[in-house]
Amino acid sequence: RGLMRTFLAAALLLLGACGDGDPVGTGFVLSLRAAQARWESSGIESYEITVRRLCFCGFVEPVRVRVVDGTIVSRTVVPSGEPVPLDYAGYIPDVPGLFAIVEEAAVAADELEASFDAVYGFPTEISIDGDEIAVDDEIVFLTEALTPIP
């Protein structure tokens, strides 16, 4: 995992330096790194966060993700209070998973926009268009209501 993170970081820096046609620039890379540093320095290992994945791909309900000591312990559909169907659970990430989505999209997507929480640094919105030519491949992740668990 550490080697992959190092590779992605190096790729992001190279892409940021290149510009022209890449989905990210140096400013984006610096913003991403600052956000990750805020998240890591927060020391939050246990929390709840609401994540919503919007796409033309099925399940789009808001989900309350509960993380204890860095491990996802539950994913609950907000409107119903039911667990997320197993077929979709893997698509609803925790905060490190959200950062991984941003990093992967920065290397592979045609378009990427992301914004980050000013206090804790976690991604609050990620908008990805994976392929400029493909129709309905866009995906958006929205987060809200991060609550640290003591």
Protein backbone atom coordinates (compact mmCIF):
# COMPACT_ATOMS: atom_id res chain seq x y z
CA ARG A 1 0.00 0.00 0.00
CA GLY A 2 2.85 2.38 0.83
CA LEU A 3 4.58 1.69 -2.50
CA MET A 4 1.36 2.38 -4.44
CA ARG A 5 0.85 5.64 -2.52
CA THR A 6 4.43 6.70 -3.33
CA PHE A 7 3.88 5.85 -7.00
CA LEU A 8 0.63 7.84 -7.12
CA ALA A 9 2.27 10.79 -5.38
CA ALA A 10 5.11 10.80 -7.91
CA ALA A 11 2.65 10.48 -10.81
CA LEU A 12 0.58 13.37 -9.44
CA LEU A 13 3.63 15.59 -9.16
CA LEU A 14 4.71 14.75 -12.70
CA LEU A 15 1.21 15.39 -14.06
CA GLY A 16 0.99 18.60 -12.10
CA ALA A 17 4.24 19.77 -13.64
CA CYS A 18 3.08 18.90 -17.17
CA GLY A 19 -0.26 20.70 -17.38
CA ASP A 20 -1.66 20.55 -20.98
CA GLY A 21 -4.54 18.07 -21.15
CA ASP A 22 -4.00 16.56 -17.74
CA PRO A 23 -6.90 16.69 -15.29
CA VAL A 24 -4.79 18.30 -12.57
CA GLY A 25 -2.23 21.04 -12.28
CA THR A 26 0.35 21.99 -9.70
CA GLY A 27 -2.19 24.04 -7.73
CA PHE A 28 -4.48 21.04 -7.47
CA VAL A 29 -1.67 18.77 -6.33
CA LEU A 30 -0.66 21.27 -3.64
CA SER A 31 -4.28 21.61 -2.51
CA LEU A 32 -4.65 17.83 -2.33
CA ARG A 33 -1.42 17.42 -0.35
CA ALA A 34 -2.42 20.20 2.07
CA ALA A 35 -5.82 18.56 2.58
CA GLN A 36 -4.24 15.16 3.21
CA ALA A 37 -1.85 16.75 5.71
CA ARG A 38 -4.80 18.38 7.55
CA TRP A 39 -6.59 15.03 7.70
CA GLU A 40 -3.53 13.13 8.91
CA SER A 41 -2.64 15.77 11.50
CA SER A 42 -6.20 15.72 12.86
CA GLY A 43 -5.44 12.27 14.27
CA ILE A 44 -9.07 11.20 13.77
CA GLU A 45 -9.21 7.41 13.58
CA SER A 46 -12.85 6.94 14.67
CA TYR A 47 -15.64 8.93 13.06
CA GLU A 48 -18.92 8.93 11.19
CA ILE A 49 -19.36 10.64 7.84
CA THR A 50 -22.21 10.77 5.36
CA VAL A 51 -21.13 9.84 1.83
CA ARG A 52 -23.25 10.03 -1.28
CA ARG A 53 -22.14 8.55 -4.60
CA LEU A 54 -24.01 10.01 -7.56
CA CYS A 55 -23.75 8.28 -10.91
CA PHE A 56 -25.70 6.40 -13.58
CA CYS A 57 -24.83 3.17 -11.82
CA GLY A 58 -27.57 2.12 -9.42
CA PHE A 59 -27.43 2.84 -5.72
CA VAL A 60 -27.26 6.60 -4.98
CA GLU A 61 -28.70 6.94 -1.46
CA PRO A 62 -26.74 8.86 1.20
CA VAL A 63 -24.84 6.49 3.46
CA ARG A 64 -23.58 7.01 7.02
CA VAL A 65 -20.14 5.39 7.21
CA ARG A 66 -18.94 4.52 10.72
CA VAL A 67 -15.20 4.03 11.18
CA VAL A 68 -13.62 2.79 14.41
CA ASP A 69 -9.82 2.77 14.81
CA GLY A 70 -9.38 3.22 11.05
CA THR A 71 -11.69 0.35 10.06
CA ILE A 72 -15.15 0.68 8.54
CA VAL A 73 -17.56 -1.05 10.93
CA SER A 74 -20.85 -0.12 9.25
CA ARG A 75 -22.45 1.54 6.26
CA THR A 76 -26.05 2.57 6.88
CA VAL A 77 -28.51 3.94 4.32
CA VAL A 78 -29.56 7.28 5.82
CA PRO A 79 -33.25 7.37 4.77
CA SER A 80 -34.06 3.79 5.78
CA GLY A 81 -31.56 3.01 8.55
CA GLU A 82 -30.83 -0.30 6.81
CA PRO A 83 -27.34 -1.60 6.03
CA VAL A 84 -26.07 -0.82 2.53
CA PRO A 85 -26.70 -3.76 0.17
CA LEU A 86 -23.54 -5.86 -0.05
CA ASP A 87 -23.32 -5.35 -3.82
CA TYR A 88 -22.79 -1.61 -3.23
CA ALA A 89 -20.89 -1.47 0.07
CA GLY A 90 -17.48 -1.46 -1.60
CA TYR A 91 -18.39 1.68 -3.53
CA ILE A 92 -18.94 3.73 -0.37
CA PRO A 93 -15.49 4.62 1.03
CA ASP A 94 -14.12 6.07 4.24
CA VAL A 95 -11.95 9.21 4.19
CA PRO A 96 -8.71 7.44 3.11
CA GLY A 97 -10.75 5.76 0.37
CA LEU A 98 -12.00 9.15 -0.80
CA PHE A 99 -8.42 10.42 -1.02
CA ALA A 100 -7.50 7.27 -3.00
CA ILE A 101 -10.33 7.99 -5.45
CA VAL A 102 -9.00 11.53 -5.98
CA GLU A 103 -5.45 10.26 -6.51
CA GLU A 104 -6.53 7.55 -8.98
CA ALA A 105 -8.72 10.00 -10.92
CA ALA A 106 -5.86 12.52 -11.04
CA VAL A 107 -3.82 9.98 -12.93
CA ALA A 108 -6.51 8.38 -15.12
CA ALA A 109 -9.56 10.66 -15.59
CA ASP A 110 -10.17 13.20 -18.33
CA GLU A 111 -11.64 15.69 -15.85
CA LEU A 112 -11.39 15.96 -12.08
CA GLU A 113 -12.57 18.54 -9.61
CA ALA A 114 -12.34 18.18 -5.86
CA SER A 115 -12.89 20.35 -2.82
CA PHE A 116 -11.74 19.72 0.71
CA ASP A 117 -12.95 20.53 4.21
CA ALA A 118 -11.17 23.62 5.55
CA VAL A 119 -10.72 22.20 9.06
CA TYR A 120 -10.13 18.44 8.72
CA GLY A 121 -9.11 18.26 5.05
CA PHE A 122 -11.35 15.36 3.99
CA PRO A 123 -12.80 15.55 0.45
CA THR A 124 -16.22 17.25 0.50
CA GLU A 125 -16.89 16.90 -3.21
CA ILE A 126 -15.20 14.86 -5.92
CA SER A 127 -16.41 15.17 -9.52
CA ILE A 128 -14.90 12.80 -12.08
CA ASP A 129 -15.39 12.41 -15.82
CA GLY A 130 -13.40 9.30 -16.60
CA ASP A 131 -13.61 9.47 -20.38
CA GLU A 132 -14.38 12.61 -22.38
CA ILE A 133 -16.08 10.61 -25.14
CA ALA A 134 -18.07 8.17 -22.98
CA VAL A 135 -21.65 9.07 -22.07
CA ASP A 136 -22.94 8.80 -18.49
CA ASP A 137 -19.60 7.76 -16.99
CA GLU A 138 -19.43 10.81 -14.70
CA ILE A 139 -19.39 10.19 -10.97
CA VAL A 140 -19.66 12.55 -8.02
CA PHE A 141 -18.93 11.87 -4.37
CA LEU A 142 -20.41 14.24 -1.80
CA THR A 143 -19.62 14.12 1.90
CA GLU A 144 -21.04 15.89 4.92
CA ALA A 145 -21.48 15.71 8.65
CA LEU A 146 -18.13 14.27 9.68
CA THR A 147 -18.40 13.59 13.39
CA PRO A 148 -15.36 12.36 15.34
CA ILE A 149 -16.11 9.50 17.74
CA PRO A 150 -14.27 9.86 21.07
